[in-house]
């Protein structure tokens, strides 16, 4: 088994603390949260995250990039509002909740959201 790069180990630790990481599908979950491929996450596990990946972890998950690089300072950015994440806009729904659903259930949710977004857009416009 390959040794995990220490920066990635820290990212996984911090992502787990946010409650947004599906522990049963860590690579895929982190890839979705950061909007990168699973292959990128796999590469980061051995080589360390790219600068862009590190900044995405900070922006989208509130992970303190300085802590990831040095192990110093707070693990998460104080006052970070998970609801303001550009990549994941929901505060009461987490990606790991969706991983347990079937394709049929996901399609139903997608159809409902599409309908609701259209309804709200029409009301605004």
Protein backbone atom coordinates (compact mmCIF):
# COMPACT_ATOMS: atom_id res chain seq x y z
CA UNK A 1 0.00 0.00 0.00
CA UNK A 2 1.36 3.39 -0.99
CA UNK A 3 2.14 6.01 1.62
CA UNK A 4 -0.21 9.01 1.60
CA UNK A 5 1.43 12.40 1.06
CA UNK A 6 1.21 14.31 4.35
CA UNK A 7 -0.58 17.30 2.77
CA UNK A 8 -3.31 15.03 1.41
CA UNK A 9 -3.62 13.26 4.74
CA UNK A 10 -4.27 16.68 6.28
CA UNK A 11 -6.82 17.57 3.62
CA UNK A 12 -8.70 14.32 4.31
CA UNK A 13 -8.57 14.98 8.06
CA UNK A 14 -9.92 18.51 7.63
CA UNK A 15 -12.54 17.50 5.05
CA UNK A 16 -13.80 14.85 7.48
CA UNK A 17 -14.14 17.52 10.18
CA UNK A 18 -16.41 19.57 7.87
CA UNK A 19 -18.87 16.68 7.77
CA UNK A 20 -19.02 16.86 3.99
CA UNK A 21 -16.73 13.93 3.14
CA UNK A 22 -18.26 10.52 2.51
CA UNK A 23 -15.85 8.32 4.48
CA UNK A 24 -16.84 5.21 2.51
CA UNK A 25 -15.93 6.85 -0.82
CA UNK A 26 -13.23 9.31 0.19
CA UNK A 27 -11.53 9.83 -3.17
CA UNK A 28 -14.73 10.21 -5.16
CA UNK A 29 -16.30 12.38 -2.47
CA UNK A 30 -13.32 14.74 -2.29
CA UNK A 31 -13.13 14.90 -6.09
CA UNK A 32 -16.79 15.93 -6.29
CA UNK A 33 -16.42 18.50 -3.53
CA UNK A 34 -13.41 20.10 -5.24
CA UNK A 35 -14.75 19.66 -8.77
CA UNK A 36 -11.73 17.64 -9.95
CA UNK A 37 -11.32 14.12 -11.29
CA UNK A 38 -10.80 11.11 -9.04
CA UNK A 39 -7.49 10.62 -10.90
CA UNK A 40 -6.34 14.06 -9.71
CA UNK A 41 -7.13 13.13 -6.12
CA UNK A 42 -5.35 9.80 -6.58
CA UNK A 43 -2.25 11.58 -7.91
CA UNK A 44 -2.34 14.09 -5.04
CA UNK A 45 -2.33 11.20 -2.56
CA UNK A 46 1.18 10.25 -3.66
CA UNK A 47 2.58 13.60 -4.87
CA UNK A 48 0.67 16.11 -2.77
CA UNK A 49 -2.07 18.46 -3.93
CA UNK A 50 -1.46 20.98 -6.66
CA UNK A 51 -1.51 24.66 -5.74
CA UNK A 52 -4.91 24.89 -7.43
CA UNK A 53 -6.18 21.87 -5.47
CA UNK A 54 -4.99 23.37 -2.22
CA UNK A 55 -6.75 26.66 -2.98
CA UNK A 56 -9.93 24.79 -3.95
CA UNK A 57 -9.87 22.93 -0.64
CA UNK A 58 -9.58 26.25 1.13
CA UNK A 59 -12.29 27.98 -0.92
CA UNK A 60 -14.85 25.19 -1.18
CA UNK A 61 -14.38 23.42 2.16
CA UNK A 62 -12.93 26.09 4.44
CA UNK A 63 -9.71 24.13 4.98
CA UNK A 64 -6.82 26.34 6.08
CA UNK A 65 -4.16 26.02 3.34
CA UNK A 66 -1.43 27.11 5.76
CA UNK A 67 -2.35 24.26 8.10
CA UNK A 68 -2.29 21.78 5.20
CA UNK A 69 1.23 22.88 4.20
CA UNK A 70 2.78 23.38 7.64
CA UNK A 71 0.59 21.70 10.23
CA UNK A 72 0.52 25.06 12.03
CA UNK A 73 -2.51 27.20 12.84
CA UNK A 74 -6.17 26.26 12.80
CA UNK A 75 -7.29 23.28 10.73
CA UNK A 76 -10.33 25.15 9.37
CA UNK A 77 -10.78 28.82 8.53
CA UNK A 78 -12.56 30.51 11.41
CA UNK A 79 -15.97 31.86 10.46
CA UNK A 80 -16.09 29.97 7.15
CA UNK A 81 -19.73 29.62 6.05
CA UNK A 82 -20.25 26.29 4.32
CA UNK A 83 -23.43 27.69 2.79
CA UNK A 84 -21.42 30.17 0.73
CA UNK A 85 -19.46 27.47 -1.08
CA UNK A 86 -19.48 28.15 -4.79
CA UNK A 87 -19.37 24.48 -5.69
CA UNK A 88 -21.93 23.20 -3.17
CA UNK A 89 -24.70 25.70 -2.48
CA UNK A 90 -26.74 23.73 0.08
CA UNK A 91 -26.45 24.13 3.83
CA UNK A 92 -28.81 21.33 4.90
CA UNK A 93 -28.00 18.76 2.20
CA UNK A 94 -24.55 17.18 1.97
CA UNK A 95 -23.06 15.29 -0.97
CA UNK A 96 -22.66 12.09 1.04
CA UNK A 97 -26.44 11.96 1.46
CA UNK A 98 -26.80 11.73 -2.30
CA UNK A 99 -24.29 8.86 -2.61
CA UNK A 100 -26.77 6.49 -0.95
CA UNK A 101 -29.48 7.12 -3.55
CA UNK A 102 -30.19 5.07 -6.64
CA UNK A 103 -29.91 6.53 -10.14
CA UNK A 104 -33.69 6.64 -10.31
CA UNK A 105 -33.88 8.63 -7.07
CA UNK A 106 -31.15 11.00 -8.24
CA UNK A 107 -33.01 11.55 -11.52
CA UNK A 108 -36.17 12.38 -9.57
CA UNK A 109 -34.30 14.93 -7.46
CA UNK A 110 -32.71 16.44 -10.55
CA UNK A 111 -36.11 16.75 -12.26
CA UNK A 112 -37.59 18.39 -9.14
CA UNK A 113 -34.72 20.87 -8.87
CA UNK A 114 -34.92 21.70 -12.56
CA UNK A 115 -38.65 22.37 -12.19
CA UNK A 116 -38.19 24.52 -9.08
CA UNK A 117 -35.33 26.55 -10.55
CA UNK A 118 -37.39 27.19 -13.68
CA UNK A 119 -40.40 28.23 -11.58
CA UNK A 120 -38.31 30.66 -9.52
CA UNK A 121 -36.64 32.05 -12.67
CA UNK A 122 -40.02 32.68 -14.29
CA UNK A 123 -41.26 34.41 -11.15
CA UNK A 124 -38.21 36.70 -11.13
CA UNK A 125 -38.24 37.46 -14.80
